[in-house]
């Protein structure tokens, strides 16, 4: 019974580790795809070539999906939820800024768009999306470490219980066979 419970806990721990790894991947996607959107914006502003805008919509969709997924899985972590509640509007604002500069480039030309670009803060800026994502990622890594340690301890306990139970069963079998001699 103890072995069964330990293995069941280990499986639960493994699933929790997988969820934490997915959260880290989602956070990385938020940052990377927002940077991709900035790069698309700069490419379009510089060249006026509409091909640079193709990755922009995909980036926005990917970021939106990642944030929605993170919203679902962070319900049990108030700190991460508060950070996510700060991150979502920052990302939304950043994409609105990106689209505004693109519209300005289309409407008013290169010089106006470049001037607008100069006053925008980059994603990796000191108070931007990057530092907040990094903070959230660090928290996920801390949780990952805790969950991994707990899973390892549970596995070690299960191994000891199974090994001890097997030895005990062998000793009982030897005692049970004594009268048959």
C-alpha atoms as a PDB file:
ATOM      1  CA  UNK A   1       0.000   0.000   0.000  1.00  0.00           C
ATOM      2  CA  UNK A   2       2.806   2.408   0.939  1.00  0.00           C
ATOM      3  CA  UNK A   3       4.572   1.584  -2.343  1.00  0.00           C
ATOM      4  CA  UNK A   4       1.393   2.249  -4.291  1.00  0.00           C
ATOM      5  CA  UNK A   5       0.852   5.594  -2.563  1.00  0.00           C
ATOM      6  CA  UNK A   6       4.488   6.607  -3.082  1.00  0.00           C
ATOM      7  CA  UNK A   7       4.413   5.757  -6.762  1.00  0.00           C
ATOM      8  CA  UNK A   8       1.079   7.559  -7.153  1.00  0.00           C
ATOM      9  CA  UNK A   9       2.620  10.659  -5.512  1.00  0.00           C
ATOM     10  CA  UNK A  10       5.642  10.364  -7.769  1.00  0.00           C
ATOM     11  CA  UNK A  11       3.428  10.329 -10.857  1.00  0.00           C
ATOM     12  CA  UNK A  12       1.613  13.417  -9.550  1.00  0.00           C
ATOM     13  CA  UNK A  13       4.968  15.081  -8.953  1.00  0.00           C
ATOM     14  CA  UNK A  14       6.064  14.215 -12.466  1.00  0.00           C
ATOM     15  CA  UNK A  15       2.924  15.837 -13.870  1.00  0.00           C
ATOM     16  CA  UNK A  16       3.549  18.945 -11.753  1.00  0.00           C
ATOM     17  CA  UNK A  17       7.126  19.126 -13.068  1.00  0.00           C
ATOM     18  CA  UNK A  18       5.797  18.878 -16.633  1.00  0.00           C
ATOM     19  CA  UNK A  19       3.332  21.729 -16.003  1.00  0.00           C
ATOM     20  CA  UNK A  20       6.099  23.891 -14.549  1.00  0.00           C
ATOM     21  CA  UNK A  21       8.297  23.199 -17.577  1.00  0.00           C
ATOM     22  CA  UNK A  22       5.393  24.200 -19.840  1.00  0.00           C
ATOM     23  CA  UNK A  23       4.991  27.433 -17.861  1.00  0.00           C
ATOM     24  CA  UNK A  24       8.669  28.240 -18.406  1.00  0.00           C
ATOM     25  CA  UNK A  25       8.264  27.532 -22.123  1.00  0.00           C
ATOM     26  CA  UNK A  26       5.199  29.785 -22.275  1.00  0.00           C
ATOM     27  CA  UNK A  27       7.009  32.625 -20.516  1.00  0.00           C
ATOM     28  CA  UNK A  28       9.926  32.256 -22.918  1.00  0.00           C
ATOM     29  CA  UNK A  29       7.450  32.384 -25.811  1.00  0.00           C
ATOM     30  CA  UNK A  30       5.876  35.604 -24.512  1.00  0.00           C
ATOM     31  CA  UNK A  31       9.242  37.318 -24.468  1.00  0.00           C
ATOM     32  CA  UNK A  32      10.626  35.828 -27.690  1.00  0.00           C
ATOM     33  CA  UNK A  33       7.490  36.420 -29.753  1.00  0.00           C
ATOM     34  CA  UNK A  34       7.149  40.004 -28.472  1.00  0.00           C
ATOM     35  CA  UNK A  35      10.750  40.618 -29.519  1.00  0.00           C
ATOM     36  CA  UNK A  36       9.883  39.061 -32.893  1.00  0.00           C
ATOM     37  CA  UNK A  37       7.036  41.572 -33.209  1.00  0.00           C
ATOM     38  CA  UNK A  38       9.422  44.440 -32.441  1.00  0.00           C
ATOM     39  CA  UNK A  39      11.832  43.143 -35.070  1.00  0.00           C
ATOM     40  CA  UNK A  40       9.015  42.920 -37.614  1.00  0.00           C
ATOM     41  CA  UNK A  41       8.032  46.485 -36.751  1.00  0.00           C
ATOM     42  CA  UNK A  42      11.593  47.764 -37.202  1.00  0.00           C
ATOM     43  CA  UNK A  43      11.994  45.866 -40.462  1.00  0.00           C
ATOM     44  CA  UNK A  44       8.811  47.371 -41.854  1.00  0.00           C
ATOM     45  CA  UNK A  45       9.579  50.887 -40.635  1.00  0.00           C
ATOM     46  CA  UNK A  46      13.056  50.755 -42.140  1.00  0.00           C
ATOM     47  CA  UNK A  47      12.154  49.243 -45.513  1.00  0.00           C
ATOM     48  CA  UNK A  48       8.420  49.819 -45.962  1.00  0.00           C
ATOM     49  CA  UNK A  49       8.240  46.202 -47.135  1.00  0.00           C
ATOM     50  CA  UNK A  50       4.938  44.601 -46.077  1.00  0.00           C
ATOM     51  CA  UNK A  51       6.572  41.159 -45.892  1.00  0.00           C
ATOM     52  CA  UNK A  52       8.056  42.156 -42.552  1.00  0.00           C
ATOM     53  CA  UNK A  53       4.544  42.386 -41.141  1.00  0.00           C
ATOM     54  CA  UNK A  54       3.658  38.731 -41.804  1.00  0.00           C
ATOM     55  CA  UNK A  55       5.207  37.404 -38.555  1.00  0.00           C
ATOM     56  CA  UNK A  56       3.538  40.158 -36.522  1.00  0.00           C
ATOM     57  CA  UNK A  57       0.045  38.626 -36.415  1.00  0.00           C
ATOM     58  CA  UNK A  58       1.432  35.166 -35.646  1.00  0.00           C
ATOM     59  CA  UNK A  59       3.531  36.636 -32.844  1.00  0.00           C
ATOM     60  CA  UNK A  60       0.524  38.377 -31.323  1.00  0.00           C
ATOM     61  CA  UNK A  61      -1.551  35.200 -31.528  1.00  0.00           C
ATOM     62  CA  UNK A  62       1.231  33.110 -29.950  1.00  0.00           C
ATOM     63  CA  UNK A  63       1.705  35.595 -27.110  1.00  0.00           C
ATOM     64  CA  UNK A  64      -2.022  35.808 -26.477  1.00  0.00           C
ATOM     65  CA  UNK A  65      -2.294  31.991 -26.359  1.00  0.00           C
ATOM     66  CA  UNK A  66       0.665  31.726 -23.978  1.00  0.00           C
ATOM     67  CA  UNK A  67      -0.790  34.328 -21.619  1.00  0.00           C
ATOM     68  CA  UNK A  68      -4.223  32.664 -21.636  1.00  0.00           C
ATOM     69  CA  UNK A  69      -2.616  29.297 -20.838  1.00  0.00           C
ATOM     70  CA  UNK A  70      -0.602  30.856 -18.032  1.00  0.00           C
ATOM     71  CA  UNK A  71      -3.775  32.443 -16.633  1.00  0.00           C
ATOM     72  CA  UNK A  72      -5.356  28.998 -16.334  1.00  0.00           C
ATOM     73  CA  UNK A  73      -2.422  27.319 -14.619  1.00  0.00           C
ATOM     74  CA  UNK A  74      -1.446  30.107 -12.221  1.00  0.00           C
ATOM     75  CA  UNK A  75      -4.720  30.200 -10.326  1.00  0.00           C
ATOM     76  CA  UNK A  76      -3.085  28.415  -7.375  1.00  0.00           C
ATOM     77  CA  UNK A  77      -0.071  30.753  -7.170  1.00  0.00           C
ATOM     78  CA  UNK A  78      -1.077  34.272  -6.067  1.00  0.00           C
ATOM     79  CA  UNK A  79       2.372  35.806  -6.658  1.00  0.00           C
ATOM     80  CA  UNK A  80       2.599  34.500 -10.203  1.00  0.00           C
ATOM     81  CA  UNK A  81      -0.998  35.541 -10.800  1.00  0.00           C
ATOM     82  CA  UNK A  82      -0.264  39.115  -9.683  1.00  0.00           C
ATOM     83  CA  UNK A  83       2.779  39.189 -11.963  1.00  0.00           C
ATOM     84  CA  UNK A  84       0.708  37.834 -14.827  1.00  0.00           C
ATOM     85  CA  UNK A  85      -1.995  40.429 -14.144  1.00  0.00           C
ATOM     86  CA  UNK A  86       0.740  43.059 -14.597  1.00  0.00           C
ATOM     87  CA  UNK A  87       2.296  41.341 -17.620  1.00  0.00           C
ATOM     88  CA  UNK A  88      -0.851  40.936 -19.736  1.00  0.00           C
ATOM     89  CA  UNK A  89      -1.620  44.674 -20.002  1.00  0.00           C
ATOM     90  CA  UNK A  90       2.057  45.463 -20.614  1.00  0.00           C
ATOM     91  CA  UNK A  91       2.120  43.054 -23.551  1.00  0.00           C
ATOM     92  CA  UNK A  92      -1.160  44.382 -24.891  1.00  0.00           C
ATOM     93  CA  UNK A  93       0.127  47.948 -24.666  1.00  0.00           C
ATOM     94  CA  UNK A  94       3.374  46.973 -26.381  1.00  0.00           C
ATOM     95  CA  UNK A  95       1.541  45.393 -29.309  1.00  0.00           C
ATOM     96  CA  UNK A  96      -0.681  48.482 -29.591  1.00  0.00           C
ATOM     97  CA  UNK A  97       2.472  50.646 -29.727  1.00  0.00           C
ATOM     98  CA  UNK A  98       3.952  48.400 -32.394  1.00  0.00           C
ATOM     99  CA  UNK A  99       0.789  48.618 -34.493  1.00  0.00           C
ATOM    100  CA  UNK A 100       0.582  52.389 -33.988  1.00  0.00           C
ATOM    101  CA  UNK A 101       4.108  52.878 -35.336  1.00  0.00           C
ATOM    102  CA  UNK A 102       3.307  50.648 -38.312  1.00  0.00           C
ATOM    103  CA  UNK A 103       0.171  52.684 -39.019  1.00  0.00           C
ATOM    104  CA  UNK A 104       2.211  55.885 -38.654  1.00  0.00           C
ATOM    105  CA  UNK A 105       4.766  54.577 -41.173  1.00  0.00           C
ATOM    106  CA  UNK A 106       1.995  53.794 -43.651  1.00  0.00           C
ATOM    107  CA  UNK A 107       0.269  57.125 -43.105  1.00  0.00           C
ATOM    108  CA  UNK A 108       3.097  59.619 -42.550  1.00  0.00           C
ATOM    109  CA  UNK A 109       6.255  57.982 -43.842  1.00  0.00           C
ATOM    110  CA  UNK A 110       9.642  56.918 -42.582  1.00  0.00           C
ATOM    111  CA  UNK A 111      10.709  60.004 -40.608  1.00  0.00           C
ATOM    112  CA  UNK A 112       7.589  60.134 -38.424  1.00  0.00           C
ATOM    113  CA  UNK A 113       7.793  56.398 -37.711  1.00  0.00           C
ATOM    114  CA  UNK A 114      11.486  56.546 -36.838  1.00  0.00           C
ATOM    115  CA  UNK A 115      10.854  59.461 -34.477  1.00  0.00           C
ATOM    116  CA  UNK A 116       8.085  57.461 -32.787  1.00  0.00           C
ATOM    117  CA  UNK A 117      10.329  54.391 -32.549  1.00  0.00           C
ATOM    118  CA  UNK A 118      12.974  56.386 -30.694  1.00  0.00           C
ATOM    119  CA  UNK A 119      10.634  57.217 -27.834  1.00  0.00           C
ATOM    120  CA  UNK A 120       9.335  53.660 -27.404  1.00  0.00           C
ATOM    121  CA  UNK A 121      10.802  51.431 -24.722  1.00  0.00           C
ATOM    122  CA  UNK A 122      12.141  48.076 -25.827  1.00  0.00           C
ATOM    123  CA  UNK A 123      10.731  44.819 -24.473  1.00  0.00           C
ATOM    124  CA  UNK A 124      13.972  44.159 -22.639  1.00  0.00           C
ATOM    125  CA  UNK A 125      14.015  47.642 -21.130  1.00  0.00           C
ATOM    126  CA  UNK A 126      14.500  48.121 -17.399  1.00  0.00           C
ATOM    127  CA  UNK A 127      10.801  48.507 -16.613  1.00  0.00           C
ATOM    128  CA  UNK A 128       9.517  46.486 -19.522  1.00  0.00           C
ATOM    129  CA  UNK A 129       8.158  43.069 -20.229  1.00  0.00           C
ATOM    130  CA  UNK A 130      11.566  41.382 -20.180  1.00  0.00           C
ATOM    131  CA  UNK A 131      12.393  41.925 -16.497  1.00  0.00           C
ATOM    132  CA  UNK A 132       8.904  40.875 -15.402  1.00  0.00           C
ATOM    133  CA  UNK A 133       9.074  37.704 -17.502  1.00  0.00           C
ATOM    134  CA  UNK A 134      12.536  37.016 -16.041  1.00  0.00           C
ATOM    135  CA  UNK A 135      11.143  37.383 -12.516  1.00  0.00           C
ATOM    136  CA  UNK A 136       8.263  35.029 -13.297  1.00  0.00           C
ATOM    137  CA  UNK A 137      10.652  32.571 -14.929  1.00  0.00           C
ATOM    138  CA  UNK A 138      12.858  32.573 -11.820  1.00  0.00           C
ATOM    139  CA  UNK A 139       9.815  31.759  -9.698  1.00  0.00           C
ATOM    140  CA  UNK A 140       8.888  28.888 -12.006  1.00  0.00           C
ATOM    141  CA  UNK A 141      12.463  27.581 -11.814  1.00  0.00           C
ATOM    142  CA  UNK A 142      12.299  27.726  -8.016  1.00  0.00           C
ATOM    143  CA  UNK A 143       9.012  25.787  -8.048  1.00  0.00           C
ATOM    144  CA  UNK A 144      10.520  23.333 -10.532  1.00  0.00           C
ATOM    145  CA  UNK A 145      13.419  22.710  -8.167  1.00  0.00           C
ATOM    146  CA  UNK A 146      11.074  22.110  -5.236  1.00  0.00           C
ATOM    147  CA  UNK A 147       8.883  19.753  -7.227  1.00  0.00           C
ATOM    148  CA  UNK A 148      11.861  17.857  -8.594  1.00  0.00           C
ATOM    149  CA  UNK A 149      13.320  17.420  -5.099  1.00  0.00           C
ATOM    150  CA  UNK A 150       9.966  16.243  -3.752  1.00  0.00           C
ATOM    151  CA  UNK A 151       9.587  13.795  -6.619  1.00  0.00           C
ATOM    152  CA  UNK A 152      13.118  12.461  -6.046  1.00  0.00           C
ATOM    153  CA  UNK A 153      12.452  12.028  -2.324  1.00  0.00           C
ATOM    154  CA  UNK A 154       9.184  10.242  -3.021  1.00  0.00           C
ATOM    155  CA  UNK A 155      10.945   7.963  -5.497  1.00  0.00           C
ATOM    156  CA  UNK A 156      13.660   7.159  -2.961  1.00  0.00           C
ATOM    157  CA  UNK A 157      11.043   6.376  -0.335  1.00  0.00           C
ATOM    158  CA  UNK A 158       9.154   4.141  -2.754  1.00  0.00           C
ATOM    159  CA  UNK A 159      12.362   2.314  -3.638  1.00  0.00           C
ATOM    160  CA  UNK A 160      13.212   1.725   0.025  1.00  0.00           C
ATOM    161  CA  UNK A 161       9.684   0.533   0.807  1.00  0.00           C
ATOM    162  CA  UNK A 162       9.611  -1.826  -2.158  1.00  0.00           C
ATOM    163  CA  UNK A 163      13.065  -3.172  -1.374  1.00  0.00           C
ATOM    164  CA  UNK A 164      12.281  -3.532   2.338  1.00  0.00           C
ATOM    165  CA  UNK A 165       8.943  -5.170   1.597  1.00  0.00           C
ATOM    166  CA  UNK A 166      10.584  -7.606  -0.816  1.00  0.00           C
ATOM    167  CA  UNK A 167      13.200  -8.590   1.752  1.00  0.00           C
ATOM    168  CA  UNK A 168      10.518  -8.952   4.422  1.00  0.00           C
ATOM    169  CA  UNK A 169       8.417 -11.124   2.073  1.00  0.00           C
ATOM    170  CA  UNK A 170      11.452 -13.294   1.338  1.00  0.00           C
ATOM    171  CA  UNK A 171      12.143 -13.777   5.060  1.00  0.00           C
ATOM    172  CA  UNK A 172       8.483 -14.636   5.679  1.00  0.00           C
ATOM    173  CA  UNK A 173       8.556 -17.140   2.821  1.00  0.00           C
ATOM    174  CA  UNK A 174      11.685 -18.777   4.283  1.00  0.00           C
ATOM    175  CA  UNK A 175      10.035 -19.076   7.705  1.00  0.00           C
ATOM    176  CA  UNK A 176       6.875 -20.438   6.125  1.00  0.00           C
ATOM    177  CA  UNK A 177       8.879 -23.117   4.300  1.00  0.00           C
ATOM    178  CA  UNK A 178      10.651 -24.300   7.496  1.00  0.00           C
ATOM    179  CA  UNK A 179       7.848 -26.646   8.646  1.00  0.00           C
ATOM    180  CA  UNK A 180       7.796 -28.297   5.216  1.00  0.00           C
ATOM    181  CA  UNK A 181      11.364 -29.552   5.631  1.00  0.00           C
END
